[in-house]
Amino acid sequence: MRRSLYLFDDEVARSWEPFHLTRPTGELLFGALLLRERAERCWGSPCSGHLAGIGLTGFAEPGSPPVLEPSAVPREGVRILQSSRVALTPPCPTPPVDEKVSLFLDERVVGWVLPPGEPSPPVELLLRPEPLPGSTRWDVVGRSIEAVWDLMDRNAEQLAEDIPRYFPGYAVEELPGSHVLGGGLLSVGSNVTVEPGSVFDLSGGPIRLCDGVVVRAHTRMEGPAFVGPDSLILGGVFSRLSVGPVCKVRGEVESSVILGYANKAHDGFLGHAYLGRWVNLGAFTTNSDLKNNYGPVRVGSPGGPIDTALLKVGCFLGDHVKTGIGTVLNTGTMVGAGSNLFGGRMPPSYVPPFSWGAGADLGEYRVDEFLELAARSMARRGLALETGMEGVLRRAWEATQSLRSSGA
């Protein structure tokens, strides 16, 4: 019988600044896979849609399913609804075809399996999942991601599991002119170019270089590390990182995630950070990830600083963020989507979406000018800013206007 998979963003996932404003949680990278790809592999079914809120209707990226209203989920066939912020360990159990199931991770409901004809749960239940009346309990294995910084803090641990599990059979023990240290797994895809003089240290975990990756000379990479398709590593020191597709990365990068189509093509330090898509860091952009007093880091947010209880936290940059040459970001800085920072001065710990300016002197990035630059940036990578995605970005700009006008 036909079965389909849907991911839903609960109220926790919908609070994840600065990313949920412009993308469903399932389209965030964790380890070597997007959260959506992870669910698809676990259940053995492609994702048919994200239930992520009306503001994201029209979201469009290559390979991503649409954002749907719950009422648009058909009643035909077996439907699996899973929380997008859960990373399940495969294989998932085979769902029944004739009964309701509530999925439990430990003692928390993380989704449901619905038989044919059963209506989808109401929005209130998607936001705060509870067992369905009359349903059978199923226990699943995995980890729940409780805060947006967990995507960074637990990424290396996830990578150490993902690379051997999802990329077996590509082990390369020796690359001409390069040095491979340690006895771990170096997994190399097709059409990968590694210039002589590169060093791969596998003593801390495996490394995966996906199809079309280019690694320039004078690169030192320590595992666990994942470099997505067609990305370019331009030299420097890299450790415990995930890099999505079509990125350019140079300098020193530690314990960070770069979602995709992003440029860090110059020197500068990036540590314990998470970067959205279409981010461009100007030369020598650098962030701090450790306080001088070695205390726990507080992250900026619209409602004020939030204690992460973590010793090392860098920055979180939303989609389409741009920084000018010499930009310095303090520990725990959060920069909203579409912001353009320049002038070499340190911005505040929370930068509202679609801000424009230097240091604390932030104005509003005019929406038409922002969209023009976004379309131009995407065209440089052979992609178009689709009408639906333009609508998502316009709504995001309008929804956050009060944050900019209030100087939050």
Protein backbone atom coordinates (compact mmCIF):
# COMPACT_ATOMS: atom_id res chain seq x y z
CA MET A 1 0.00 0.00 0.00
CA ARG A 2 1.18 3.51 -0.82
CA ARG A 3 2.72 5.39 2.10
CA SER A 4 3.91 8.97 2.30
CA LEU A 5 6.11 10.97 4.68
CA TYR A 6 5.51 14.48 5.98
CA LEU A 7 7.68 16.50 8.37
CA PHE A 8 6.12 18.97 10.77
CA ASP A 9 7.71 21.86 12.66
CA ASP A 10 6.46 22.02 16.25
CA GLU A 11 6.49 25.20 18.32
CA VAL A 12 10.10 24.60 19.38
CA ALA A 13 11.32 24.25 15.80
CA ARG A 14 9.36 27.35 14.79
CA SER A 15 11.30 29.36 17.39
CA TRP A 16 14.70 28.54 15.91
CA GLU A 17 16.20 31.89 15.08
CA PRO A 18 17.53 32.91 12.62
CA PHE A 19 16.56 30.08 10.25
CA HIS A 20 12.86 29.29 10.54
CA LEU A 21 11.91 32.67 9.14
CA THR A 22 13.02 31.55 5.66
CA ARG A 23 13.17 27.72 5.65
CA PRO A 24 11.51 24.64 7.12
CA THR A 25 13.52 22.94 9.85
CA GLY A 26 13.77 19.78 7.73
CA GLU A 27 15.97 21.68 5.27
CA LEU A 28 18.73 22.26 7.86
CA LEU A 29 21.97 20.28 7.71
CA PHE A 30 22.87 18.07 10.67
CA GLY A 31 25.81 15.73 10.34
CA ALA A 32 26.12 14.52 6.75
CA LEU A 33 22.43 14.88 5.85
CA LEU A 34 19.64 17.41 5.88
CA LEU A 35 17.12 16.54 8.57
CA ARG A 36 14.65 15.82 5.77
CA GLU A 37 17.07 13.49 3.99
CA ARG A 38 17.66 11.69 7.27
CA ALA A 39 13.95 11.02 7.74
CA GLU A 40 13.61 9.87 4.13
CA ARG A 41 16.40 7.32 4.52
CA CYS A 42 15.07 6.13 7.84
CA TRP A 43 11.51 5.50 6.61
CA GLY A 44 12.42 4.52 3.05
CA SER A 45 9.99 7.07 1.60
CA PRO A 46 10.49 10.47 -0.04
CA CYS A 47 9.15 13.43 1.90
CA SER A 48 5.93 14.69 0.32
CA GLY A 49 5.80 17.99 2.17
CA HIS A 50 6.71 20.18 5.13
CA LEU A 51 4.05 21.33 7.60
CA ALA A 52 5.91 24.45 8.69
CA GLY A 53 3.47 27.34 8.80
CA ILE A 54 1.78 29.58 6.28
CA GLY A 55 4.69 32.03 6.19
CA LEU A 56 6.84 29.47 4.40
CA THR A 57 4.29 28.61 1.71
CA GLY A 58 6.10 28.81 -1.61
CA PHE A 59 9.48 27.75 -0.21
CA ALA A 60 11.51 26.34 -3.07
CA GLU A 61 14.96 24.78 -3.28
CA PRO A 62 16.25 22.01 -5.57
CA GLY A 63 15.16 18.65 -4.15
CA SER A 64 12.95 20.11 -1.44
CA PRO A 65 9.25 19.20 -1.18
CA PRO A 66 6.68 21.99 -0.85
CA VAL A 67 5.41 23.57 2.35
CA LEU A 68 1.77 22.52 2.81
CA GLU A 69 -1.17 23.37 5.00
CA PRO A 70 -2.21 20.38 7.17
CA SER A 71 -5.54 20.30 5.33
CA ALA A 72 -3.64 19.61 2.08
CA VAL A 73 -2.32 16.26 3.33
CA PRO A 74 -4.40 13.63 1.51
CA ARG A 75 -6.25 10.89 3.38
CA GLU A 76 -5.28 8.17 0.90
CA GLY A 77 -2.69 5.60 1.88
CA VAL A 78 -0.59 5.35 5.01
CA ARG A 79 0.88 8.67 6.13
CA ILE A 80 3.87 9.12 8.42
CA LEU A 81 4.07 12.48 10.20
CA GLN A 82 7.39 13.02 11.95
CA SER A 83 8.80 15.94 13.91
CA SER A 84 11.40 17.69 11.78
CA ARG A 85 13.77 18.26 14.72
CA VAL A 86 14.22 14.57 15.43
CA ALA A 87 17.17 12.63 14.01
CA LEU A 88 16.05 9.01 14.04
CA THR A 89 18.45 6.08 13.84
CA PRO A 90 17.65 3.71 10.96
CA PRO A 91 16.00 1.49 10.24
CA CYS A 92 12.61 2.77 11.33
CA PRO A 93 9.91 0.15 11.94
CA THR A 94 7.56 -0.76 9.12
CA PRO A 95 4.29 1.07 9.78
CA PRO A 96 1.02 -0.87 9.87
CA VAL A 97 -1.66 -0.18 7.29
CA ASP A 98 -4.77 -0.44 9.44
CA GLU A 99 -4.15 1.28 12.79
CA LYS A 100 -3.17 4.61 14.29
CA VAL A 101 0.29 4.79 15.83
CA SER A 102 1.89 7.40 18.08
CA LEU A 103 5.68 7.53 17.76
CA PHE A 104 7.61 7.93 21.00
CA LEU A 105 11.25 8.90 21.43
CA ASP A 106 11.91 8.12 25.07
CA GLU A 107 8.72 9.49 26.66
CA ARG A 108 7.99 12.21 24.12
CA VAL A 109 5.65 12.00 21.14
CA VAL A 110 7.57 12.80 17.95
CA GLY A 111 5.01 11.85 15.32
CA TRP A 112 2.24 9.56 14.18
CA VAL A 113 1.38 6.95 11.57
CA LEU A 114 -2.10 7.38 10.12
CA PRO A 115 -4.06 4.65 8.31
CA PRO A 116 -6.06 5.40 5.14
CA GLY A 117 -8.99 7.72 5.77
CA GLU A 118 -7.71 9.05 9.11
CA PRO A 119 -7.62 12.89 9.10
CA SER A 120 -4.39 14.74 9.81
CA PRO A 121 -3.86 16.03 13.36
CA PRO A 122 -4.99 19.63 13.95
CA VAL A 123 -2.45 22.44 13.99
CA GLU A 124 -2.53 22.54 17.80
CA LEU A 125 -1.32 18.95 17.95
CA LEU A 126 1.43 19.61 15.40
CA LEU A 127 2.70 22.44 17.57
CA ARG A 128 2.49 20.43 20.82
CA PRO A 129 2.47 16.70 19.93
CA GLU A 130 0.45 14.33 22.10
CA PRO A 131 -0.63 10.69 21.62
CA LEU A 132 -3.59 10.24 19.28
CA PRO A 133 -6.70 8.86 21.02
CA GLY A 134 -6.96 5.13 20.43
CA SER A 135 -3.47 4.86 18.97
CA THR A 136 -0.81 2.21 19.55
CA ARG A 137 2.52 3.27 21.03
CA TRP A 138 5.67 2.71 18.96
CA ASP A 139 9.13 3.48 20.31
CA VAL A 140 11.76 4.81 17.92
CA VAL A 141 15.50 5.38 18.42
CA GLY A 142 17.40 8.59 17.79
CA ARG A 143 18.02 12.02 19.23
CA SER A 144 15.80 15.04 19.65
CA ILE A 145 17.34 18.43 18.94
CA GLU A 146 16.18 20.82 21.62
CA ALA A 147 17.84 24.10 20.63
CA VAL A 148 19.22 25.56 17.43
CA TRP A 149 22.77 25.52 18.83
CA ASP A 150 22.50 21.74 19.26
CA LEU A 151 22.78 21.53 15.47
CA MET A 152 26.30 22.89 15.88
CA ASP A 153 27.26 21.43 19.24
CA ARG A 154 26.26 17.83 18.41
CA ASN A 155 27.22 17.91 14.75
CA ALA A 156 30.59 16.16 15.09
CA GLU A 157 29.01 13.33 17.07
CA GLN A 158 26.41 12.89 14.34
CA LEU A 159 29.06 12.98 11.61
CA ALA A 160 31.00 10.17 13.27
CA GLU A 161 27.87 8.01 12.93
CA ASP A 162 26.71 9.20 9.51
CA ILE A 163 29.79 8.86 7.34
CA PRO A 164 30.42 5.11 7.90
CA ARG A 165 26.67 4.42 7.74
CA TYR A 166 25.74 6.34 4.60
CA PHE A 167 28.98 6.42 2.61
CA PRO A 168 30.50 2.93 2.79
CA GLY A 169 32.60 1.41 0.03
CA TYR A 170 34.47 4.55 -0.97
CA ALA A 171 37.45 4.28 1.35
CA VAL A 172 40.66 5.71 -0.09
CA GLU A 173 43.77 4.94 1.89
CA GLU A 174 46.16 7.04 -0.14
CA LEU A 175 45.89 10.12 -2.34
CA PRO A 176 48.87 11.05 -4.56
CA GLY A 177 50.96 13.73 -2.92
CA SER A 178 48.68 14.00 0.12
CA HIS A 179 49.16 12.76 3.66
CA VAL A 180 46.54 10.61 5.40
CA LEU A 181 46.98 10.32 9.16
CA GLY A 182 45.24 7.85 11.43
CA GLY A 183 43.38 4.66 10.61
CA GLY A 184 39.87 5.97 10.08
CA LEU A 185 37.68 6.19 7.00
CA LEU A 186 38.43 8.66 4.20
CA SER A 187 35.43 8.43 1.88
CA VAL A 188 35.86 10.02 -1.56
CA GLY A 189 33.16 10.41 -4.19
CA SER A 190 33.53 10.69 -7.95
CA ASN A 191 35.37 13.48 -9.80
CA VAL A 192 37.08 14.66 -6.62
CA THR A 193 40.31 16.64 -7.01
CA VAL A 194 42.81 16.77 -4.15
CA GLU A 195 45.98 18.70 -4.82
CA PRO A 196 49.33 17.48 -3.44
CA GLY A 197 50.25 18.86 -0.06
CA SER A 198 46.87 18.31 1.58
CA VAL A 199 46.64 16.57 4.96
CA PHE A 200 43.70 14.47 6.16
CA ASP A 201 43.79 13.56 9.84
CA LEU A 202 41.40 10.68 10.55
CA SER A 203 42.47 10.09 14.15
CA GLY A 204 39.44 12.04 15.45
CA GLY A 205 36.87 10.66 13.03
CA PRO A 206 36.01 9.93 9.38
CA ILE A 207 36.05 12.39 6.48
CA ARG A 208 33.73 12.40 3.48
CA LEU A 209 34.47 14.33 0.26
CA CYS A 210 31.38 14.22 -1.98
CA ASP A 211 31.21 14.23 -5.76
CA GLY A 212 32.92 17.12 -7.48
CA VAL A 213 34.76 18.43 -4.41
CA VAL A 214 38.05 20.23 -5.02
CA VAL A 215 40.66 20.47 -2.23
CA ARG A 216 43.50 22.90 -2.90
CA ALA A 217 47.04 22.46 -1.63
CA HIS A 218 47.92 23.53 1.93
CA THR A 219 44.66 22.22 3.36
CA ARG A 220 44.67 20.40 6.68
CA MET A 221 41.36 18.71 7.49
CA GLU A 222 40.63 16.86 10.72
CA GLY A 223 37.72 14.48 11.07
CA PRO A 224 34.93 14.07 11.55
CA ALA A 225 34.25 16.25 8.52
CA PHE A 226 31.83 16.32 5.60
CA VAL A 227 32.22 18.34 2.41
CA GLY A 228 29.15 18.42 0.15
CA PRO A 229 28.99 18.14 -3.64
CA ASP A 230 30.88 20.62 -5.82
CA SER A 231 32.34 22.53 -2.89
CA LEU A 232 35.79 24.09 -3.06
CA ILE A 233 38.21 23.96 -0.12
CA LEU A 234 40.75 26.71 -0.80
CA GLY A 235 43.34 25.96 1.90
CA GLY A 236 43.56 26.38 5.64
CA VAL A 237 42.82 24.41 8.80
CA PHE A 238 39.45 22.66 9.10
CA SER A 239 38.13 20.42 11.86
CA ARG A 240 34.79 18.88 12.85
CA LEU A 241 32.73 20.59 10.21
CA SER A 242 29.88 20.03 7.77
CA VAL A 243 29.90 21.93 4.49
CA GLY A 244 26.90 21.72 2.19
CA PRO A 245 26.85 21.85 -1.60
CA VAL A 246 28.53 24.47 -3.79
CA CYS A 247 30.47 26.31 -1.08
CA LYS A 248 33.85 28.02 -1.15
CA VAL A 249 35.73 27.79 2.14
CA ARG A 250 39.15 29.07 3.21
CA GLY A 251 40.97 29.99 6.41
CA GLU A 252 40.33 28.40 9.79
CA VAL A 253 36.98 26.69 10.39
CA GLU A 254 36.26 24.69 13.53
CA SER A 255 33.14 22.84 14.74
CA SER A 256 30.85 24.63 12.30
CA VAL A 257 28.07 23.92 9.80
CA ILE A 258 27.76 25.74 6.47
CA LEU A 259 24.40 24.90 4.94
CA GLY A 260 25.16 25.46 1.27
CA TYR A 261 25.85 27.91 -1.58
CA ALA A 262 27.93 30.01 0.81
CA ASN A 263 31.26 31.77 0.37
CA LYS A 264 34.02 32.06 2.92
CA ALA A 265 36.67 32.41 0.27
CA HIS A 266 39.20 34.39 2.31
CA ASP A 267 41.18 34.12 5.52
CA GLY A 268 39.47 34.58 8.87
CA PHE A 269 38.28 32.38 11.73
CA LEU A 270 34.88 30.72 11.88
CA GLY A 271 34.27 28.65 15.00
CA HIS A 272 31.25 26.88 16.54
CA ALA A 273 29.00 28.58 14.02
CA TYR A 274 26.03 27.75 11.81
CA LEU A 275 25.62 29.53 8.47
CA GLY A 276 22.47 29.46 6.33
CA ARG A 277 22.37 29.33 2.54
CA TRP A 278 23.67 32.10 0.31
CA VAL A 279 25.84 33.61 3.05
CA ASN A 280 28.88 35.56 1.87
CA LEU A 281 31.65 36.48 4.32
CA GLY A 282 33.96 39.29 3.31
CA ALA A 283 37.72 38.92 3.64
CA PHE A 284 38.95 38.47 7.22
CA THR A 285 35.46 38.19 8.69
CA THR A 286 36.08 36.56 12.07
CA ASN A 287 33.92 35.42 14.95
CA SER A 288 34.66 34.76 18.61
CA ASP A 289 33.46 31.46 20.08
CA LEU A 290 34.86 31.69 23.61
CA LYS A 291 34.36 34.32 26.31
CA ASN A 292 37.41 35.80 28.02
CA ASN A 293 36.12 34.59 31.40
CA TYR A 294 35.46 31.05 30.08
CA GLY A 295 31.85 31.31 31.18
CA PRO A 296 28.76 29.91 29.43
CA VAL A 297 27.79 31.76 26.28
CA ARG A 298 24.54 33.65 25.94
CA VAL A 299 23.09 33.95 22.43
CA GLY A 300 21.33 37.05 21.17
CA SER A 301 17.62 36.85 20.36
CA PRO A 302 14.68 39.21 19.78
CA GLY A 303 13.63 38.73 23.40
CA GLY A 304 17.08 39.21 24.91
CA PRO A 305 20.11 36.99 25.57
CA ILE A 306 19.53 33.24 26.04
CA ASP A 307 21.89 31.12 28.12
CA THR A 308 23.13 28.12 26.10
CA ALA A 309 25.04 26.54 29.03
CA LEU A 310 27.81 25.89 26.49
CA LEU A 311 31.41 27.04 26.80
CA LYS A 312 31.93 27.52 23.05
CA VAL A 313 29.32 29.15 20.82
CA GLY A 314 30.16 31.32 17.84
CA CYS A 315 27.60 32.89 15.53
CA PHE A 316 24.38 31.98 13.72
CA LEU A 317 23.87 33.65 10.35
CA GLY A 318 20.53 33.38 8.56
CA ASP A 319 20.02 32.86 4.84
CA HIS A 320 21.40 35.55 2.49
CA VAL A 321 23.51 37.28 5.18
CA LYS A 322 26.45 39.30 3.80
CA THR A 323 29.43 40.71 5.71
CA GLY A 324 31.96 43.25 4.50
CA ILE A 325 35.73 43.08 4.76
CA GLY A 326 37.08 42.88 8.31
CA THR A 327 33.73 42.24 10.02
CA VAL A 328 34.12 40.99 13.61
CA LEU A 329 31.33 39.02 15.31
CA ASN A 330 31.23 38.63 19.07
CA THR A 331 30.59 35.39 20.96
CA GLY A 332 26.98 34.25 20.58
CA THR A 333 26.02 36.68 17.81
CA MET A 334 22.80 35.96 15.91
CA VAL A 335 22.29 37.70 12.57
CA GLY A 336 18.85 37.58 10.99
CA ALA A 337 18.24 36.57 7.39
CA GLY A 338 18.96 39.03 4.64
CA SER A 339 21.19 41.31 6.71
CA ASN A 340 24.14 43.18 5.20
CA LEU A 341 26.87 44.14 7.68
CA PHE A 342 29.92 46.20 6.78
CA GLY A 343 32.30 48.87 8.03
CA GLY A 344 34.57 46.65 10.12
CA ARG A 345 32.71 47.42 13.36
CA MET A 346 31.27 44.80 15.71
CA PRO A 347 27.46 44.53 15.46
CA PRO A 348 25.24 43.84 18.50
CA SER A 349 24.69 40.26 19.65
CA TYR A 350 21.29 40.25 17.95
CA VAL A 351 20.88 41.71 14.47
CA PRO A 352 17.25 41.82 13.28
CA PRO A 353 16.51 40.29 9.88
CA PHE A 354 17.07 42.48 6.83
CA SER A 355 19.27 44.95 8.68
CA TRP A 356 21.80 47.13 6.88
CA GLY A 357 24.72 49.02 8.36
CA ALA A 358 27.92 49.14 10.38
CA GLY A 359 28.28 48.17 14.03
CA ALA A 360 25.24 49.20 16.05
CA ASP A 361 24.18 51.77 13.43
CA LEU A 362 21.70 49.50 11.70
CA GLY A 363 19.02 50.60 9.31
CA GLU A 364 16.60 48.68 7.15
CA TYR A 365 17.63 46.82 4.01
CA ARG A 366 15.08 47.88 1.39
CA VAL A 367 13.23 44.79 0.29
CA ASP A 368 13.44 45.42 -3.47
CA GLU A 369 17.18 46.05 -3.27
CA PHE A 370 17.64 42.92 -1.16
CA LEU A 371 15.66 40.76 -3.59
CA GLU A 372 17.61 42.14 -6.54
CA LEU A 373 20.90 41.15 -4.86
CA ALA A 374 19.54 37.74 -3.85
CA ALA A 375 18.52 37.01 -7.45
CA ARG A 376 21.91 38.17 -8.73
CA SER A 377 23.77 36.00 -6.19
CA MET A 378 21.76 32.93 -7.12
CA ALA A 379 22.19 33.51 -10.84
CA ARG A 380 25.96 33.36 -10.34
CA ARG A 381 25.44 29.72 -9.29
CA GLY A 382 23.04 28.95 -12.12
CA LEU A 383 19.87 29.16 -10.02
CA ALA A 384 16.89 31.48 -10.22
CA LEU A 385 14.99 33.14 -7.38
CA GLU A 386 11.62 31.51 -7.93
CA THR A 387 8.39 33.45 -7.50
CA GLY A 388 7.32 31.35 -4.51
CA MET A 389 10.63 31.88 -2.74
CA GLU A 390 10.49 35.59 -3.45
CA GLY A 391 7.11 35.57 -1.70
CA VAL A 392 8.61 33.81 1.33
CA LEU A 393 11.35 36.45 1.57
CA ARG A 394 8.91 39.36 1.14
CA ARG A 395 6.66 38.00 3.89
CA ALA A 396 9.69 37.51 6.13
CA TRP A 397 10.71 41.13 5.55
CA GLU A 398 7.22 42.38 6.37
CA ALA A 399 6.83 40.16 9.45
CA THR A 400 10.05 41.48 11.01
CA GLN A 401 9.67 45.16 10.23
CA SER A 402 8.80 45.99 13.83
CA LEU A 403 12.05 44.41 15.06
CA ARG A 404 14.05 46.81 12.92
CA SER A 405 12.00 49.88 13.70
CA SER A 406 12.18 49.18 17.43
CA GLY A 407 15.93 48.69 17.32
CA ALA A 408 15.59 45.31 19.03
